[in-house]
């Protein structure tokens, strides 16, 4: 493969990772906009929307969907259960318990954690990169994350108890574990099955969750209604905003974001793709500042600049011959 083709292949993957990050940043804003909805309800709602939206491309691409084996459907179910339902339920609950800064701090370490985990992953010698070559990019990205999140932690208020903060921290760590596992396993599957299109695999993950989230949502709403909880069955206190946001993140963050990430996973080494999840953090910050109608501080801007420099160093690391 020529250098030009290799460079084009990598650039396409990087742009797809950027697009996925822009889509995924929306999911950090949703719990802030809907603080009176439990995290599990937001997760159910998002993936019901994802599954229903996936029915359209599933019908249009029914031959490709029908060609998936039982084993491949089982992989899609596991990936969606951990990387979608569990991850977002834990993340949304963490944001509501402890506020956005603490989960952002922990989830913001994903580029470093995924890169380290994928470099340690057995059987992935083709993706592995010498640590001495990875460390400069990891150090710059890590410093940028510390600067950004130190500034974000200053936004913490005193309206939450220590117990709530600790519970939020535990749930954010669970979300971090889920989303460390998901991109590595998903990338491995995409690279081992190049015949499966990224859009087909994104659609399969949406369909795989639908039989779980539909009855789960109804059951949760019924239990909450019978027990006299404040949650208003079935669509909560602000049904129009809830349905609108679920459709938005179901389409953009779930189906489109997953499809773009599948494209990136098939084209990039897992260690590099892990670092490009920094686009999600940058997007979440941008949306948060727009929502607050605030201007980033000099510290945040310096951290963002370091994140961008770190991504550029990471890309150059993987393009440079060993």
Protein backbone atom coordinates (compact mmCIF):
# COMPACT_ATOMS: atom_id res chain seq x y z
CA UNK A 1 0.00 0.00 0.00
CA UNK A 2 1.48 3.38 -1.02
CA UNK A 3 2.29 6.12 1.48
CA UNK A 4 -0.46 8.28 -0.03
CA UNK A 5 -3.09 5.56 0.35
CA UNK A 6 -1.94 4.85 3.93
CA UNK A 7 -2.10 8.55 4.80
CA UNK A 8 -5.56 8.90 3.25
CA UNK A 9 -6.76 5.78 5.08
CA UNK A 10 -5.49 7.17 8.41
CA UNK A 11 -6.90 10.67 7.75
CA UNK A 12 -10.33 9.17 7.06
CA UNK A 13 -10.16 7.29 10.35
CA UNK A 14 -9.12 10.42 12.26
CA UNK A 15 -11.94 12.48 10.77
CA UNK A 16 -14.41 9.72 11.65
CA UNK A 17 -13.10 9.70 15.25
CA UNK A 18 -13.54 13.49 15.33
CA UNK A 19 -17.14 13.16 14.11
CA UNK A 20 -17.87 10.48 16.72
CA UNK A 21 -16.46 12.72 19.45
CA UNK A 22 -18.68 15.61 18.34
CA UNK A 23 -21.71 13.33 18.55
CA UNK A 24 -20.78 11.72 21.88
CA UNK A 25 -20.18 15.06 23.58
CA UNK A 26 -23.96 15.56 23.54
CA UNK A 27 -24.50 12.78 26.09
CA UNK A 28 -22.71 14.78 28.82
CA UNK A 29 -25.11 17.67 28.37
CA UNK A 30 -28.33 15.64 28.54
CA UNK A 31 -28.23 14.76 32.30
CA UNK A 32 -27.61 18.44 33.06
CA UNK A 33 -30.64 19.44 30.96
CA UNK A 34 -32.79 16.70 32.52
CA UNK A 35 -31.64 16.55 36.17
CA UNK A 36 -35.02 15.23 37.39
CA UNK A 37 -34.75 12.02 35.32
CA UNK A 38 -32.83 9.08 36.87
CA UNK A 39 -29.75 7.98 34.97
CA UNK A 40 -31.23 4.56 34.21
CA UNK A 41 -34.29 6.24 32.64
CA UNK A 42 -32.05 8.40 30.43
CA UNK A 43 -30.14 5.29 29.40
CA UNK A 44 -33.34 3.35 28.65
CA UNK A 45 -34.74 6.30 26.70
CA UNK A 46 -31.59 6.80 24.67
CA UNK A 47 -31.33 3.18 23.61
CA UNK A 48 -35.03 2.79 22.91
CA UNK A 49 -34.61 5.71 20.52
CA UNK A 50 -31.42 4.12 19.13
CA UNK A 51 -33.17 0.79 18.57
CA UNK A 52 -36.24 2.32 16.93
CA UNK A 53 -34.09 4.53 14.68
CA UNK A 54 -31.99 1.46 13.77
CA UNK A 55 -35.12 -0.25 12.38
CA UNK A 56 -34.98 2.03 9.32
CA UNK A 57 -31.40 1.22 8.19
CA UNK A 58 -32.04 -2.41 9.24
CA UNK A 59 -34.88 -2.63 6.74
CA UNK A 60 -32.89 -0.86 4.02
CA UNK A 61 -29.90 -3.14 4.63
CA UNK A 62 -31.85 -6.26 5.55
CA UNK A 63 -29.60 -8.55 3.47
CA UNK A 64 -26.52 -7.46 5.43
CA UNK A 65 -28.38 -7.71 8.74
CA UNK A 66 -29.69 -11.19 7.89
CA UNK A 67 -26.14 -12.30 7.02
CA UNK A 68 -24.92 -11.75 10.60
CA UNK A 69 -24.35 -15.01 12.45
CA UNK A 70 -25.74 -15.88 15.89
CA UNK A 71 -22.25 -15.46 17.36
CA UNK A 72 -21.96 -11.99 15.84
CA UNK A 73 -25.34 -10.99 17.26
CA UNK A 74 -24.14 -12.17 20.67
CA UNK A 75 -21.05 -9.95 20.34
CA UNK A 76 -23.28 -7.00 19.33
CA UNK A 77 -25.47 -7.62 22.39
CA UNK A 78 -22.52 -7.73 24.80
CA UNK A 79 -20.92 -4.63 23.30
CA UNK A 80 -24.19 -2.71 23.45
CA UNK A 81 -25.04 -3.88 26.97
CA UNK A 82 -21.68 -2.79 28.43
CA UNK A 83 -20.62 0.06 26.14
CA UNK A 84 -24.08 1.56 25.73
CA UNK A 85 -26.64 0.75 28.42
CA UNK A 86 -24.33 0.21 31.42
CA UNK A 87 -21.94 3.01 30.45
CA UNK A 88 -24.57 5.68 29.98
CA UNK A 89 -26.66 4.70 33.00
CA UNK A 90 -23.54 4.94 35.18
CA UNK A 91 -22.32 8.18 33.57
CA UNK A 92 -25.69 9.98 33.74
CA UNK A 93 -26.19 8.91 37.37
CA UNK A 94 -22.65 10.03 38.26
CA UNK A 95 -23.24 13.48 36.73
CA UNK A 96 -26.49 13.90 38.64
CA UNK A 97 -25.02 12.72 41.95
CA UNK A 98 -21.74 14.62 41.94
CA UNK A 99 -22.20 17.27 39.26
CA UNK A 100 -20.57 17.29 35.84
CA UNK A 101 -16.93 18.15 36.78
CA UNK A 102 -16.04 14.97 38.72
CA UNK A 103 -17.29 12.48 36.09
CA UNK A 104 -15.70 14.64 33.40
CA UNK A 105 -12.40 14.43 35.28
CA UNK A 106 -12.55 10.63 35.42
CA UNK A 107 -14.01 9.99 31.96
CA UNK A 108 -11.51 12.51 30.60
CA UNK A 109 -8.72 10.03 31.38
CA UNK A 110 -10.10 7.64 28.72
CA UNK A 111 -7.53 8.56 26.04
CA UNK A 112 -4.71 7.57 28.37
CA UNK A 113 -6.44 4.55 29.95
CA UNK A 114 -7.56 3.06 26.61
CA UNK A 115 -4.16 3.60 25.03
CA UNK A 116 -2.42 1.86 27.94
CA UNK A 117 -4.97 -0.97 28.05
CA UNK A 118 -4.79 -1.59 24.29
CA UNK A 119 -0.99 -1.53 24.41
CA UNK A 120 -1.11 -4.21 27.11
CA UNK A 121 -3.82 -6.25 25.36
CA UNK A 122 -2.59 -9.75 24.50
CA UNK A 123 -2.45 -10.78 20.89
CA UNK A 124 -2.40 -7.20 19.54
CA UNK A 125 1.27 -6.93 18.53
CA UNK A 126 0.28 -5.13 15.34
CA UNK A 127 -1.26 -2.31 17.36
CA UNK A 128 1.35 -2.13 20.10
CA UNK A 129 3.79 0.76 20.15
CA UNK A 130 6.95 1.09 22.22
CA UNK A 131 6.19 2.96 25.44
CA UNK A 132 9.08 5.38 24.90
CA UNK A 133 7.34 6.53 21.70
CA UNK A 134 3.91 6.77 23.31
CA UNK A 135 4.94 8.60 26.48
CA UNK A 136 5.38 12.13 25.03
CA UNK A 137 1.85 12.17 23.56
CA UNK A 138 0.36 10.57 26.70
CA UNK A 139 2.17 13.07 28.94
CA UNK A 140 0.93 16.06 26.95
CA UNK A 141 -2.67 14.73 26.81
CA UNK A 142 -2.56 13.89 30.53
CA UNK A 143 -1.31 17.38 31.42
CA UNK A 144 -4.02 18.94 29.28
CA UNK A 145 -6.69 16.83 30.98
CA UNK A 146 -5.40 17.83 34.42
CA UNK A 147 -5.51 21.53 33.54
CA UNK A 148 -9.01 21.34 32.09
CA UNK A 149 -10.46 19.26 34.88
CA UNK A 150 -8.76 21.22 37.66
CA UNK A 151 -10.56 24.29 36.31
CA UNK A 152 -13.82 22.33 36.01
CA UNK A 153 -13.56 21.14 39.63
CA UNK A 154 -13.68 24.78 40.72
CA UNK A 155 -17.31 24.74 39.50
CA UNK A 156 -18.26 22.28 42.27
CA UNK A 157 -20.85 23.63 44.68
CA UNK A 158 -21.64 22.73 48.26
CA UNK A 159 -25.15 21.47 47.58
CA UNK A 160 -24.18 17.79 47.55
CA UNK A 161 -23.09 15.57 50.44
CA UNK A 162 -19.80 13.68 50.64
CA UNK A 163 -21.76 10.44 50.22
CA UNK A 164 -23.23 11.69 46.94
CA UNK A 165 -19.79 12.69 45.68
CA UNK A 166 -18.38 9.27 46.56
CA UNK A 167 -21.31 7.49 44.92
CA UNK A 168 -20.84 9.65 41.82
CA UNK A 169 -17.13 8.83 41.80
CA UNK A 170 -17.83 5.08 42.01
CA UNK A 171 -20.35 5.25 39.16
CA UNK A 172 -17.98 7.33 37.04
CA UNK A 173 -15.26 4.70 37.57
CA UNK A 174 -17.75 2.03 36.47
CA UNK A 175 -18.49 4.08 33.34
CA UNK A 176 -14.75 4.46 32.75
CA UNK A 177 -14.26 0.68 32.97
CA UNK A 178 -17.17 0.03 30.60
CA UNK A 179 -15.88 2.48 28.02
CA UNK A 180 -12.32 1.22 28.29
CA UNK A 181 -13.51 -2.29 27.44
CA UNK A 182 -15.94 -1.29 24.67
CA UNK A 183 -13.68 0.47 22.10
CA UNK A 184 -10.94 -2.15 22.43
CA UNK A 185 -13.33 -5.07 21.91
CA UNK A 186 -15.28 -3.25 19.21
CA UNK A 187 -12.10 -2.33 17.32
CA UNK A 188 -10.89 -5.91 17.52
CA UNK A 189 -14.17 -7.16 16.07
CA UNK A 190 -14.19 -4.59 13.24
CA UNK A 191 -10.61 -5.41 12.27
CA UNK A 192 -11.35 -9.15 12.32
CA UNK A 193 -14.52 -8.76 10.21
CA UNK A 194 -13.75 -6.22 7.46
CA UNK A 195 -16.66 -7.60 5.40
CA UNK A 196 -19.17 -6.10 7.86
CA UNK A 197 -19.90 -2.47 7.09
CA UNK A 198 -19.64 0.08 9.89
CA UNK A 199 -23.27 1.16 9.42
CA UNK A 200 -24.46 -2.46 9.56
CA UNK A 201 -22.58 -3.07 12.81
CA UNK A 202 -23.92 0.16 14.36
CA UNK A 203 -27.45 -0.88 13.38
CA UNK A 204 -26.95 -4.37 14.84
CA UNK A 205 -25.89 -2.89 18.19
CA UNK A 206 -29.02 -0.75 18.28
CA UNK A 207 -31.30 -3.68 17.44
CA UNK A 208 -29.57 -5.96 19.96
CA UNK A 209 -30.59 -3.71 22.87
CA UNK A 210 -34.20 -3.11 21.87
CA UNK A 211 -35.61 -6.33 23.44
CA UNK A 212 -33.92 -5.35 26.73
CA UNK A 213 -34.56 -1.62 26.99
CA UNK A 214 -38.24 -1.59 25.97
CA UNK A 215 -39.48 -3.92 28.75
CA UNK A 216 -36.89 -2.45 31.14
CA UNK A 217 -38.25 1.06 30.64
CA UNK A 218 -41.86 -0.06 31.10
CA UNK A 219 -40.99 -2.12 34.18
CA UNK A 220 -39.05 0.73 35.81
CA UNK A 221 -41.84 3.21 35.11
CA UNK A 222 -44.48 0.85 36.50
CA UNK A 223 -42.48 0.17 39.69
CA UNK A 224 -41.83 3.89 40.18
CA UNK A 225 -45.50 4.68 39.66
CA UNK A 226 -46.73 2.00 42.07
CA UNK A 227 -44.16 2.89 44.73
CA UNK A 228 -45.19 6.54 44.65
CA UNK A 229 -41.79 7.81 43.49
CA UNK A 230 -41.55 11.35 42.16
CA UNK A 231 -40.84 10.06 38.63
CA UNK A 232 -44.00 10.61 36.55
CA UNK A 233 -44.91 7.46 34.61
CA UNK A 234 -44.17 6.92 31.74
CA UNK A 235 -42.32 9.94 30.23
CA UNK A 236 -41.48 11.96 33.31
CA UNK A 237 -42.24 15.57 34.25
CA UNK A 238 -41.02 17.11 30.95
CA UNK A 239 -42.10 14.65 28.26
CA UNK A 240 -41.50 16.91 25.23
CA UNK A 241 -37.90 17.73 26.18
CA UNK A 242 -37.24 14.14 27.27
CA UNK A 243 -38.50 12.62 24.00
CA UNK A 244 -36.71 15.26 21.92
CA UNK A 245 -33.36 14.75 23.65
CA UNK A 246 -33.68 10.96 23.52
CA UNK A 247 -34.31 11.09 19.77
CA UNK A 248 -31.41 13.51 19.31
CA UNK A 249 -28.83 11.45 21.18
CA UNK A 250 -30.34 8.18 19.92
CA UNK A 251 -29.76 9.31 16.34
CA UNK A 252 -26.61 11.41 16.67
CA UNK A 253 -24.69 9.98 19.63
CA UNK A 254 -25.78 6.35 19.33
CA UNK A 255 -26.35 5.41 15.69
CA UNK A 256 -24.27 8.04 13.86
CA UNK A 257 -21.58 8.21 16.55
CA UNK A 258 -21.26 4.41 16.66
CA UNK A 259 -21.10 4.19 12.87
CA UNK A 260 -18.36 6.84 12.69
CA UNK A 261 -16.42 5.14 15.49
CA UNK A 262 -16.70 1.81 13.69
CA UNK A 263 -15.19 3.47 10.61
CA UNK A 264 -12.34 4.83 12.74
CA UNK A 265 -11.81 1.50 14.54
CA UNK A 266 -11.44 -0.34 11.25
CA UNK A 267 -8.83 2.13 9.96
CA UNK A 268 -6.69 3.03 12.98
CA UNK A 269 -4.50 1.13 15.46
CA UNK A 270 -6.42 0.68 18.71
CA UNK A 271 -3.78 2.60 20.69
CA UNK A 272 -4.20 5.64 18.43
CA UNK A 273 -8.00 5.40 18.38
CA UNK A 274 -7.95 5.34 22.18
CA UNK A 275 -6.17 8.68 22.27
CA UNK A 276 -8.63 10.18 19.78
CA UNK A 277 -11.46 9.74 22.29
CA UNK A 278 -10.11 13.05 23.56
CA UNK A 279 -12.41 14.57 20.90
CA UNK A 280 -15.35 13.47 23.08
CA UNK A 281 -13.93 15.39 26.06
CA UNK A 282 -13.31 18.50 23.95
CA UNK A 283 -16.83 18.36 22.52
CA UNK A 284 -18.40 17.88 25.95
CA UNK A 285 -16.50 20.93 27.21
CA UNK A 286 -17.58 23.02 24.22
CA UNK A 287 -21.25 22.10 24.71
CA UNK A 288 -21.00 22.73 28.47
CA UNK A 289 -19.63 26.24 27.96
CA UNK A 290 -22.30 26.98 25.37
CA UNK A 291 -24.98 25.75 27.80
CA UNK A 292 -23.52 27.91 30.59
CA UNK A 293 -23.14 30.86 28.17
CA UNK A 294 -19.64 31.22 29.62
CA UNK A 295 -16.19 31.87 28.17
CA UNK A 296 -13.45 29.29 28.98
CA UNK A 297 -10.77 30.50 31.37
CA UNK A 298 -7.13 30.83 30.34
CA UNK A 299 -6.39 27.58 32.20
CA UNK A 300 -9.06 25.70 30.28
CA UNK A 301 -7.85 27.13 26.97
CA UNK A 302 -4.27 26.11 27.83
CA UNK A 303 -5.49 22.59 28.64
CA UNK A 304 -7.43 22.37 25.38
CA UNK A 305 -4.34 23.51 23.46
CA UNK A 306 -2.30 20.76 25.14
CA UNK A 307 -4.97 18.18 24.28
CA UNK A 308 -4.80 19.18 20.62
CA UNK A 309 -0.97 19.12 20.64
CA UNK A 310 -1.09 15.68 22.29
CA UNK A 311 -3.39 14.33 19.58
CA UNK A 312 -1.05 15.68 16.88
CA UNK A 313 1.92 14.02 18.60
CA UNK A 314 -0.01 10.76 18.83
CA UNK A 315 -0.84 10.84 15.12
CA UNK A 316 2.80 11.53 14.24
CA UNK A 317 3.89 8.68 16.53
CA UNK A 318 1.79 6.17 14.61
CA UNK A 319 2.80 7.53 11.21
CA UNK A 320 6.51 7.44 12.00
CA UNK A 321 8.29 4.18 11.11
CA UNK A 322 9.33 2.07 14.09
